[in-house]
Protein backbone atom coordinates (compact mmCIF):
# COMPACT_ATOMS: atom_id res chain seq x y z
CA MET A 1 123.98 91.00 92.45
CA ILE A 2 121.53 94.28 92.66
CA GLN A 3 121.29 95.31 96.40
CA LYS A 4 118.49 95.82 97.87
CA PRO A 5 117.68 99.46 99.01
CA ALA A 6 117.60 99.62 103.10
CA TYR A 7 114.76 101.46 103.24
CA LEU A 8 112.83 98.92 102.39
CA ALA A 9 113.80 96.80 105.32
CA VAL A 10 110.40 96.98 107.86
CA ASP A 11 112.94 97.76 110.69
CA CYS A 12 115.04 100.25 108.53
CA SER A 13 116.96 102.98 110.86
CA LEU A 14 117.87 105.34 108.39
CA THR A 15 116.16 108.24 108.91
CA LEU A 16 113.31 109.01 106.50
CA ALA A 17 116.02 112.17 104.98
CA GLU A 18 118.53 109.35 104.32
CA GLY A 19 115.67 106.73 103.22
CA LEU A 20 114.42 109.63 100.46
CA ALA A 21 118.50 110.43 99.92
CA GLU A 22 118.38 106.19 99.15
CA PHE A 23 115.15 106.61 97.10
CA ALA A 24 116.35 109.76 95.27
CA ALA A 25 119.78 108.24 94.28
CA ALA A 26 118.27 104.62 93.19
CA ASN A 27 115.54 106.44 91.12
CA PRO A 28 117.75 109.41 89.10
CA GLY A 29 115.37 112.16 87.58
CA LEU A 30 112.34 111.46 89.09
CA LEU A 31 112.20 115.38 90.99
CA PRO A 32 111.58 118.03 88.41
CA PRO A 33 114.02 120.78 88.28
CA GLY A 34 113.50 124.12 90.41
CA ASP A 35 110.57 124.54 92.83
CA GLY A 36 106.84 124.57 92.85
CA GLU A 37 103.48 122.30 93.49
CA LEU A 38 104.91 119.77 91.75
CA ARG A 39 108.06 118.96 92.83
CA GLU A 40 106.67 119.16 96.19
CA PHE A 41 104.32 116.48 95.40
CA ILE A 42 106.15 114.46 93.68
CA ARG A 43 108.67 114.72 97.26
CA ALA A 44 106.43 114.11 99.34
CA HIS A 45 104.29 110.66 97.15
CA ASP A 46 108.32 109.63 97.15
CA ALA A 47 108.62 110.26 101.32
CA CYS A 48 105.27 107.82 100.69
CA HIS A 49 107.65 105.21 98.81
CA VAL A 50 109.92 105.04 101.29
CA LEU A 51 107.45 105.45 104.50
CA PHE A 52 105.07 102.22 102.92
CA GLY A 53 108.74 100.46 101.95
CA LEU A 54 108.24 100.18 98.24
CA GLY A 55 109.94 100.70 94.57
CA THR A 56 109.08 101.99 91.73
CA SER A 57 108.06 99.18 89.73
CA VAL A 58 104.26 99.98 88.41
CA GLU A 59 102.57 97.25 90.73
CA ASP A 60 105.04 99.02 93.74
CA GLU A 61 103.47 102.54 92.35
CA ALA A 62 100.04 100.51 91.89
CA VAL A 63 100.25 100.04 95.70
CA ALA A 64 101.81 103.13 96.99
CA ASP A 65 99.06 105.19 95.19
CA THR A 66 96.17 103.19 97.02
CA TRP A 67 97.96 103.29 100.37
CA THR A 68 98.41 107.59 99.96
CA ILE A 69 94.93 107.77 99.05
CA PHE A 70 93.78 105.20 101.96
CA GLY A 71 96.32 106.32 104.44
CA SER A 72 97.54 109.76 104.11
CA ASP A 73 95.65 113.44 104.70
CA VAL A 74 96.19 114.28 101.31
CA GLY A 75 92.48 112.97 100.32
CA LEU A 76 91.53 111.40 96.67
CA ARG A 77 90.50 114.83 94.89
CA ARG A 78 94.16 116.44 95.75
CA TYR A 79 95.58 113.34 94.97
CA ALA A 80 93.84 112.69 91.47
CA SER A 81 94.54 116.44 90.30
CA TYR A 82 98.29 116.03 90.45
CA LEU A 83 97.99 112.68 88.32
CA ARG A 84 96.42 115.28 85.48
CA HIS A 85 99.52 117.27 85.10
CA PRO A 86 100.96 116.91 82.34
CA VAL A 87 104.23 115.61 83.49
CA ILE A 88 102.84 113.16 85.60
CA ALA A 89 100.39 112.40 82.51
CA GLY A 90 103.35 112.43 80.39
CA VAL A 91 105.10 109.72 82.55
CA ILE A 92 101.82 107.64 82.70
CA GLN A 93 101.16 107.53 78.77
CA GLN A 94 105.24 106.84 78.35
CA ILE A 95 104.71 103.28 80.73
CA GLY A 96 101.68 102.91 78.47
CA TRP A 97 98.11 101.53 79.85
CA TRP A 98 98.14 98.72 78.74
CA ARG A 99 101.19 98.18 81.01
CA MET A 100 99.53 100.54 83.81
CA THR A 101 96.60 97.96 83.65
CA THR A 102 98.40 94.44 83.76
CA GLY A 103 100.86 95.87 86.50
CA SER A 104 98.17 97.16 88.26
CA ALA A 105 96.58 93.83 88.07
CA ARG A 106 99.45 91.89 88.87
CA ALA A 107 99.16 94.27 92.27
CA LEU A 108 95.46 93.78 93.10
CA PRO A 109 96.24 91.13 95.97
CA ARG A 110 98.90 93.33 97.25
CA VAL A 111 96.73 96.61 96.66
CA LEU A 112 93.86 95.31 98.52
CA ARG A 113 96.38 93.94 101.51
CA ALA A 114 97.64 97.94 101.97
CA ILE A 115 93.59 99.22 102.07
CA ALA A 116 93.29 96.78 104.59
CA ARG A 117 96.67 98.05 106.35
CA ALA A 118 96.18 101.81 105.87
CA ARG A 119 92.67 101.79 107.62
CA ARG A 120 94.27 100.09 110.80
CA MET A 121 96.85 102.98 110.85
CA ARG A 122 96.94 105.14 114.04
CA ALA A 123 97.02 107.93 112.40
CA PRO A 124 97.51 109.43 108.68
CA TRP A 125 100.56 110.43 107.23
CA PRO A 126 101.04 113.86 106.65
CA PHE A 127 101.48 113.92 102.89
CA PHE A 128 102.29 117.53 102.72
CA ALA A 129 104.08 117.94 105.97
CA TYR A 130 106.79 114.35 105.97
CA ALA A 131 109.16 117.62 106.47
CA GLN A 132 108.20 117.69 109.81
CA ALA A 133 109.68 113.97 110.04
CA LEU A 134 113.05 113.95 107.99
CA ASP A 135 114.82 113.02 111.41
CA VAL A 136 112.79 110.33 112.65
CA PRO A 137 113.91 106.84 112.00
CA ILE A 138 112.05 104.90 109.52
CA ALA A 139 111.13 102.28 111.88
CA ALA A 140 110.32 104.44 114.42
CA LEU A 141 107.55 106.19 111.99
CA ARG A 142 106.09 102.80 110.82
CA ARG A 143 105.77 101.99 114.45
CA ARG A 144 103.96 106.24 114.91
CA HIS A 145 101.50 105.55 112.33
CA GLY A 146 101.14 101.26 112.83
CA VAL A 147 102.49 101.21 108.72
CA ARG A 148 103.49 97.48 108.27
CA PRO A 149 104.36 97.20 104.89
CA VAL A 150 102.77 94.42 102.43
């Protein structure tokens, strides 16, 4: 039996740093090597997965992208510019447009809930400033920002 990662629990007591470590361990190879803007974007995106309590299935990616756009300070234009990066575009191509489309369609009810919940957040999630919250428990961050995972 596969155990669900602890960061998915609504009342998760792990810190954001511990949740990110658990996320990375469950999803090896997601971060490109080295430093740079793309790596920082992916790390900030991973922090959204942890905060919003989402995995990496196609459906969860659709919800994570939506919640990030509506519930963080990154903005649609800047977020979309990263999605056009050749590395990200290559991942999308590997997954396939058909699988992306059907997965997104299956996720539509959760996507709509994520939009509604993002609009009710107390404060937007600081997308690139996530590192300031690494030592804070995930449950406390969710309370602070008004995040209720879908």
